[in-house]
Amino acid sequence: MGLEILIPIIVPVSVFVWLYFESKDKNKTILEISKNIDDPSKVEDLIGMLDERKKEPIDYRRTGVITLFTGVGLFLFGVFFLGDILKGVGALVAAIGLGQIIAGYLYPNTSEELTNAVDDFEKK
């Protein structure tokens, strides 16, 4: 009986511990390699290679399409199987997806799109 109460605590704590040890090893590796490199630009290149963060901005159009079709799927699942509550959840998720798609077109995010938007504005 006590184990099912502890599972919601054990799972997040174990994930945090796992991520801590994973990043700790990566930092030790960077430190050891940087000790043997004399050129500071090579150290910066190394850190840039090991950096897992995304350099590209979020494409709201892509995530919007995914969210939209997830909402449509939930809505249809509610229509055929589970009823009104899931239909409402599906419609809400689909509306969020539509909002993301619209935001993706209103706010261009790649440098090429920004350059094109500025060029179009300057032509007017």
N, C-alpha and C. Protein backbone atom coordinates (compact mmCIF):
# COMPACT_ATOMS: atom_id res chain seq x y z
N MET A 1 0.82 -1.19 0.00
CA MET A 1 0.00 0.00 0.00
C MET A 1 0.87 1.26 0.00
N GLY A 2 1.98 1.27 0.64
CA GLY A 2 2.82 2.46 0.73
C GLY A 2 3.59 2.74 -0.55
N LEU A 3 3.84 1.70 -1.36
CA LEU A 3 4.63 1.88 -2.58
C LEU A 3 3.92 2.75 -3.61
N GLU A 4 2.61 2.57 -3.77
CA GLU A 4 1.91 3.38 -4.77
C GLU A 4 1.83 4.85 -4.35
N ILE A 5 1.93 5.14 -3.09
CA ILE A 5 1.96 6.53 -2.63
C ILE A 5 3.33 7.15 -2.91
N LEU A 6 4.38 6.36 -2.83
CA LEU A 6 5.74 6.86 -3.02
C LEU A 6 6.15 6.98 -4.49
N ILE A 7 5.48 6.29 -5.40
CA ILE A 7 5.87 6.31 -6.81
C ILE A 7 5.86 7.72 -7.39
N PRO A 8 4.84 8.57 -7.14
CA PRO A 8 4.91 9.93 -7.69
C PRO A 8 6.08 10.76 -7.15
N ILE A 9 6.65 10.35 -6.05
CA ILE A 9 7.83 11.04 -5.51
C ILE A 9 9.11 10.42 -6.05
N ILE A 10 9.15 9.11 -6.15
CA ILE A 10 10.35 8.39 -6.56
C ILE A 10 10.70 8.68 -8.02
N VAL A 11 9.73 8.71 -8.90
CA VAL A 11 10.00 8.89 -10.33
C VAL A 11 10.65 10.24 -10.63
N PRO A 12 10.10 11.39 -10.20
CA PRO A 12 10.78 12.65 -10.51
C PRO A 12 12.15 12.78 -9.86
N VAL A 13 12.29 12.29 -8.63
CA VAL A 13 13.59 12.37 -7.95
C VAL A 13 14.62 11.54 -8.70
N SER A 14 14.25 10.36 -9.16
CA SER A 14 15.20 9.53 -9.89
C SER A 14 15.59 10.17 -11.22
N VAL A 15 14.65 10.85 -11.88
CA VAL A 15 14.97 11.54 -13.14
C VAL A 15 15.95 12.68 -12.87
N PHE A 16 15.73 13.45 -11.82
CA PHE A 16 16.64 14.54 -11.49
C PHE A 16 18.03 14.03 -11.15
N VAL A 17 18.11 12.93 -10.42
CA VAL A 17 19.42 12.34 -10.08
C VAL A 17 20.12 11.87 -11.34
N TRP A 18 19.39 11.22 -12.23
CA TRP A 18 19.96 10.73 -13.49
C TRP A 18 20.49 11.89 -14.33
N LEU A 19 19.71 12.96 -14.47
CA LEU A 19 20.16 14.12 -15.24
C LEU A 19 21.37 14.79 -14.60
N TYR A 20 21.43 14.80 -13.27
CA TYR A 20 22.57 15.39 -12.58
C TYR A 20 23.84 14.63 -12.91
N PHE A 21 23.80 13.30 -12.80
CA PHE A 21 25.00 12.51 -13.07
C PHE A 21 25.40 12.57 -14.54
N GLU A 22 24.42 12.67 -15.43
CA GLU A 22 24.73 12.77 -16.85
C GLU A 22 25.45 14.09 -17.16
N SER A 23 24.98 15.19 -16.62
CA SER A 23 25.63 16.48 -16.87
C SER A 23 26.96 16.58 -16.13
N LYS A 24 27.08 15.92 -14.99
CA LYS A 24 28.33 15.94 -14.23
C LYS A 24 29.45 15.29 -15.04
N ASP A 25 29.17 14.17 -15.67
CA ASP A 25 30.17 13.49 -16.49
C ASP A 25 30.54 14.33 -17.72
N LYS A 26 29.57 15.00 -18.30
CA LYS A 26 29.84 15.84 -19.46
C LYS A 26 30.76 17.00 -19.07
N ASN A 27 30.49 17.60 -17.91
CA ASN A 27 31.32 18.71 -17.46
C ASN A 27 32.75 18.26 -17.15
N LYS A 28 32.91 17.07 -16.58
CA LYS A 28 34.25 16.54 -16.32
C LYS A 28 34.99 16.31 -17.64
N THR A 29 34.30 15.81 -18.64
CA THR A 29 34.91 15.56 -19.94
C THR A 29 35.38 16.86 -20.57
N ILE A 30 34.54 17.89 -20.53
CA ILE A 30 34.92 19.19 -21.09
C ILE A 30 36.14 19.74 -20.36
N LEU A 31 36.16 19.60 -19.05
CA LEU A 31 37.28 20.11 -18.26
C LEU A 31 38.58 19.39 -18.61
N GLU A 32 38.54 18.09 -18.75
CA GLU A 32 39.75 17.32 -19.08
C GLU A 32 40.26 17.65 -20.47
N ILE A 33 39.37 17.77 -21.43
CA ILE A 33 39.79 18.09 -22.80
C ILE A 33 40.34 19.51 -22.87
N SER A 34 39.70 20.43 -22.15
CA SER A 34 40.15 21.82 -22.22
C SER A 34 41.52 22.01 -21.57
N LYS A 35 41.90 21.13 -20.68
CA LYS A 35 43.24 21.22 -20.07
C LYS A 35 44.34 20.95 -21.10
N ASN A 36 44.02 20.15 -22.11
CA ASN A 36 45.01 19.75 -23.10
C ASN A 36 45.00 20.61 -24.36
N ILE A 37 44.09 21.57 -24.44
CA ILE A 37 44.00 22.43 -25.62
C ILE A 37 44.56 23.80 -25.25
N ASP A 38 45.46 24.28 -26.12
CA ASP A 38 46.09 25.57 -25.85
C ASP A 38 45.34 26.74 -26.49
N ASP A 39 44.69 26.51 -27.61
CA ASP A 39 44.02 27.58 -28.34
C ASP A 39 42.62 27.84 -27.75
N PRO A 40 42.34 29.05 -27.26
CA PRO A 40 41.03 29.32 -26.66
C PRO A 40 39.87 29.19 -27.66
N SER A 41 40.11 29.46 -28.94
CA SER A 41 39.02 29.33 -29.91
C SER A 41 38.60 27.88 -30.08
N LYS A 42 39.55 26.95 -29.96
CA LYS A 42 39.20 25.53 -30.05
C LYS A 42 38.38 25.09 -28.84
N VAL A 43 38.66 25.68 -27.68
CA VAL A 43 37.87 25.36 -26.49
C VAL A 43 36.43 25.83 -26.68
N GLU A 44 36.27 27.03 -27.24
CA GLU A 44 34.92 27.54 -27.50
C GLU A 44 34.19 26.66 -28.52
N ASP A 45 34.90 26.18 -29.54
CA ASP A 45 34.29 25.28 -30.52
C ASP A 45 33.86 23.98 -29.87
N LEU A 46 34.69 23.47 -28.96
CA LEU A 46 34.37 22.23 -28.25
C LEU A 46 33.12 22.40 -27.40
N ILE A 47 33.03 23.50 -26.69
CA ILE A 47 31.87 23.75 -25.85
C ILE A 47 30.62 23.90 -26.73
N GLY A 48 30.78 24.55 -27.87
CA GLY A 48 29.66 24.70 -28.79
C GLY A 48 29.18 23.37 -29.34
N MET A 49 30.11 22.44 -29.60
CA MET A 49 29.73 21.12 -30.09
C MET A 49 28.97 20.33 -29.02
N LEU A 50 29.42 20.43 -27.78
CA LEU A 50 28.81 19.65 -26.71
C LEU A 50 27.53 20.27 -26.17
N ASP A 51 27.27 21.49 -26.54
CA ASP A 51 26.07 22.17 -26.07
C ASP A 51 24.86 21.60 -26.81
N GLU A 52 23.92 21.05 -26.06
CA GLU A 52 22.77 20.38 -26.67
C GLU A 52 21.59 21.30 -26.88
N ARG A 53 21.70 22.55 -26.44
CA ARG A 53 20.58 23.45 -26.61
C ARG A 53 20.36 23.74 -28.09
N LYS A 54 19.11 23.93 -28.44
CA LYS A 54 18.77 24.21 -29.82
C LYS A 54 19.15 25.63 -30.17
N LYS A 55 19.79 25.80 -31.30
CA LYS A 55 20.18 27.12 -31.74
C LYS A 55 19.06 27.80 -32.53
N GLU A 56 18.20 27.01 -33.13
CA GLU A 56 17.12 27.55 -33.95
C GLU A 56 15.95 27.98 -33.06
N PRO A 57 15.25 29.02 -33.43
CA PRO A 57 14.05 29.39 -32.67
C PRO A 57 12.93 28.39 -32.91
N ILE A 58 11.94 28.44 -32.06
CA ILE A 58 10.82 27.50 -32.16
C ILE A 58 9.98 27.86 -33.38
N ASP A 59 9.65 26.86 -34.17
CA ASP A 59 8.78 27.08 -35.33
C ASP A 59 7.34 26.81 -34.89
N TYR A 60 6.61 27.90 -34.64
CA TYR A 60 5.25 27.77 -34.13
C TYR A 60 4.31 27.13 -35.14
N ARG A 61 4.61 27.25 -36.42
CA ARG A 61 3.73 26.63 -37.42
C ARG A 61 3.79 25.11 -37.31
N ARG A 62 4.99 24.57 -37.15
CA ARG A 62 5.14 23.12 -37.05
C ARG A 62 4.48 22.58 -35.78
N THR A 63 4.78 23.22 -34.64
CA THR A 63 4.17 22.76 -33.39
C THR A 63 2.67 22.99 -33.40
N GLY A 64 2.22 24.04 -34.10
CA GLY A 64 0.79 24.29 -34.20
C GLY A 64 0.06 23.21 -34.96
N VAL A 65 0.66 22.74 -36.05
CA VAL A 65 0.04 21.66 -36.83
C VAL A 65 -0.04 20.39 -36.00
N ILE A 66 1.03 20.08 -35.28
CA ILE A 66 1.03 18.88 -34.44
C ILE A 66 -0.04 19.00 -33.36
N THR A 67 -0.13 20.17 -32.71
CA THR A 67 -1.12 20.37 -31.66
C THR A 67 -2.54 20.34 -32.22
N LEU A 68 -2.72 20.94 -33.39
CA LEU A 68 -4.03 20.94 -34.03
C LEU A 68 -4.53 19.52 -34.28
N PHE A 69 -3.69 18.69 -34.87
CA PHE A 69 -4.13 17.33 -35.19
C PHE A 69 -4.24 16.45 -33.94
N THR A 70 -3.50 16.77 -32.90
CA THR A 70 -3.70 16.08 -31.63
C THR A 70 -5.08 16.41 -31.08
N GLY A 71 -5.47 17.67 -31.17
CA GLY A 71 -6.80 18.08 -30.73
C GLY A 71 -7.90 17.44 -31.54
N VAL A 72 -7.70 17.37 -32.85
CA VAL A 72 -8.70 16.72 -33.72
C VAL A 72 -8.83 15.24 -33.34
N GLY A 73 -7.69 14.61 -33.09
CA GLY A 73 -7.73 13.20 -32.68
C GLY A 73 -8.45 13.00 -31.36
N LEU A 74 -8.19 13.86 -30.39
CA LEU A 74 -8.90 13.77 -29.10
C LEU A 74 -10.40 14.02 -29.29
N PHE A 75 -10.74 14.99 -30.12
CA PHE A 75 -12.14 15.28 -30.38
C PHE A 75 -12.85 14.07 -31.00
N LEU A 76 -12.22 13.47 -32.00
CA LEU A 76 -12.83 12.30 -32.64
C LEU A 76 -12.91 11.11 -31.68
N PHE A 77 -11.91 10.97 -30.83
CA PHE A 77 -11.96 9.90 -29.82
C PHE A 77 -13.14 10.13 -28.87
N GLY A 78 -13.39 11.41 -28.55
CA GLY A 78 -14.54 11.72 -27.72
C GLY A 78 -15.86 11.48 -28.42
N VAL A 79 -15.90 11.76 -29.71
CA VAL A 79 -17.13 11.55 -30.48
C VAL A 79 -17.49 10.06 -30.52
N PHE A 80 -16.50 9.22 -30.76
CA PHE A 80 -16.79 7.81 -30.98
C PHE A 80 -16.76 6.96 -29.70
N PHE A 81 -16.02 7.40 -28.66
CA PHE A 81 -15.86 6.50 -27.53
C PHE A 81 -16.22 7.11 -26.17
N LEU A 82 -15.63 8.23 -25.78
CA LEU A 82 -15.70 8.64 -24.38
C LEU A 82 -16.68 9.77 -24.09
N GLY A 83 -17.20 10.45 -25.07
CA GLY A 83 -18.25 11.41 -24.78
C GLY A 83 -17.84 12.86 -24.78
N ASP A 84 -18.70 13.66 -24.13
CA ASP A 84 -18.63 15.12 -24.23
C ASP A 84 -17.37 15.72 -23.62
N ILE A 85 -16.88 15.16 -22.55
CA ILE A 85 -15.70 15.76 -21.90
C ILE A 85 -14.50 15.74 -22.83
N LEU A 86 -14.26 14.61 -23.46
CA LEU A 86 -13.10 14.51 -24.37
C LEU A 86 -13.32 15.32 -25.64
N LYS A 87 -14.57 15.50 -26.05
CA LYS A 87 -14.83 16.38 -27.19
C LYS A 87 -14.42 17.81 -26.86
N GLY A 88 -14.76 18.25 -25.65
CA GLY A 88 -14.39 19.59 -25.23
C GLY A 88 -12.88 19.77 -25.11
N VAL A 89 -12.20 18.77 -24.57
CA VAL A 89 -10.73 18.82 -24.45
C VAL A 89 -10.10 18.84 -25.85
N GLY A 90 -10.61 18.03 -26.75
CA GLY A 90 -10.09 17.99 -28.11
C GLY A 90 -10.27 19.32 -28.83
N ALA A 91 -11.45 19.94 -28.65
CA ALA A 91 -11.69 21.24 -29.27
C ALA A 91 -10.76 22.30 -28.70
N LEU A 92 -10.50 22.25 -27.39
CA LEU A 92 -9.59 23.21 -26.76
C LEU A 92 -8.18 23.05 -27.30
N VAL A 93 -7.69 21.82 -27.39
CA VAL A 93 -6.34 21.57 -27.89
C VAL A 93 -6.23 21.98 -29.36
N ALA A 94 -7.27 21.71 -30.15
CA ALA A 94 -7.26 22.12 -31.56
C ALA A 94 -7.23 23.63 -31.69
N ALA A 95 -7.96 24.34 -30.82
CA ALA A 95 -7.95 25.81 -30.85
C ALA A 95 -6.57 26.35 -30.48
N ILE A 96 -5.91 25.71 -29.53
CA ILE A 96 -4.54 26.11 -29.18
C ILE A 96 -3.61 25.90 -30.37
N GLY A 97 -3.78 24.78 -31.08
CA GLY A 97 -2.97 24.52 -32.27
C GLY A 97 -3.20 25.56 -33.35
N LEU A 98 -4.44 25.96 -33.56
CA LEU A 98 -4.73 27.02 -34.54
C LEU A 98 -4.07 28.33 -34.12
N GLY A 99 -4.11 28.63 -32.84
CA GLY A 99 -3.45 29.84 -32.35
C GLY A 99 -1.95 29.81 -32.58
N GLN A 100 -1.33 28.65 -32.41
CA GLN A 100 0.10 28.53 -32.66
C GLN A 100 0.42 28.71 -34.14
N ILE A 101 -0.41 28.16 -35.01
CA ILE A 101 -0.18 28.33 -36.45
C ILE A 101 -0.29 29.80 -36.83
N ILE A 102 -1.31 30.47 -36.32
CA ILE A 102 -1.48 31.90 -36.62
C ILE A 102 -0.30 32.70 -36.08
N ALA A 103 0.14 32.38 -34.86
CA ALA A 103 1.31 33.07 -34.29
C ALA A 103 2.56 32.83 -35.13
N GLY A 104 2.70 31.65 -35.70
CA GLY A 104 3.85 31.35 -36.54
C GLY A 104 3.88 32.20 -37.79
N TYR A 105 2.70 32.55 -38.32
CA TYR A 105 2.67 33.40 -39.51
C TYR A 105 2.75 34.88 -39.16
N LEU A 106 2.26 35.26 -37.98
CA LEU A 106 2.32 36.66 -37.58
C LEU A 106 3.71 37.07 -37.13
N TYR A 107 4.42 36.16 -36.48
CA TYR A 107 5.74 36.45 -35.94
C TYR A 107 6.77 35.55 -36.60
N PRO A 108 7.39 35.99 -37.72
CA PRO A 108 8.39 35.14 -38.38
C PRO A 108 9.58 34.92 -37.45
N ASN A 109 10.15 33.72 -37.48
CA ASN A 109 11.17 33.41 -36.48
C ASN A 109 12.54 33.08 -37.05
N THR A 110 12.65 32.73 -38.28
CA THR A 110 13.99 32.44 -38.81
C THR A 110 14.60 33.71 -39.35
N SER A 111 15.90 33.74 -39.43
CA SER A 111 16.57 34.95 -39.89
C SER A 111 16.20 35.28 -41.33
N GLU A 112 16.01 34.25 -42.15
CA GLU A 112 15.61 34.50 -43.55
C GLU A 112 14.22 35.13 -43.61
N GLU A 113 13.28 34.62 -42.79
CA GLU A 113 11.94 35.19 -42.77
C GLU A 113 11.96 36.62 -42.25
N LEU A 114 12.79 36.88 -41.23
CA LEU A 114 12.89 38.24 -40.71
C LEU A 114 13.47 39.19 -41.75
N THR A 115 14.49 38.73 -42.46
CA THR A 115 15.09 39.55 -43.52
C THR A 115 14.06 39.84 -44.60
N ASN A 116 13.31 38.83 -45.01
CA ASN A 116 12.28 39.03 -46.04
C ASN A 116 11.19 39.99 -45.56
N ALA A 117 10.80 39.87 -44.28
CA ALA A 117 9.77 40.76 -43.75
C ALA A 117 10.27 42.21 -43.72
N VAL A 118 11.54 42.40 -43.33
CA VAL A 118 12.10 43.75 -43.31
C VAL A 118 12.19 44.31 -44.72
N ASP A 119 12.63 43.49 -45.68
CA ASP A 119 12.73 43.94 -47.08
C ASP A 119 11.35 44.31 -47.64
N ASP A 120 10.35 43.49 -47.32
CA ASP A 120 8.98 43.81 -47.79
C ASP A 120 8.48 45.11 -47.17
N PHE A 121 8.80 45.34 -45.90
CA PHE A 121 8.36 46.56 -45.24
C PHE A 121 9.06 47.78 -45.83
N GLU A 122 10.35 47.62 -46.14
CA GLU A 122 11.11 48.76 -46.69
C GLU A 122 10.66 49.10 -48.10
N LYS A 123 10.17 48.13 -48.85
CA LYS A 123 9.67 48.39 -50.20
C LYS A 123 8.41 49.23 -50.19
N LYS A 124 7.64 49.15 -49.11
CA LYS A 124 6.38 49.90 -49.03
C LYS A 124 6.62 51.30 -48.71
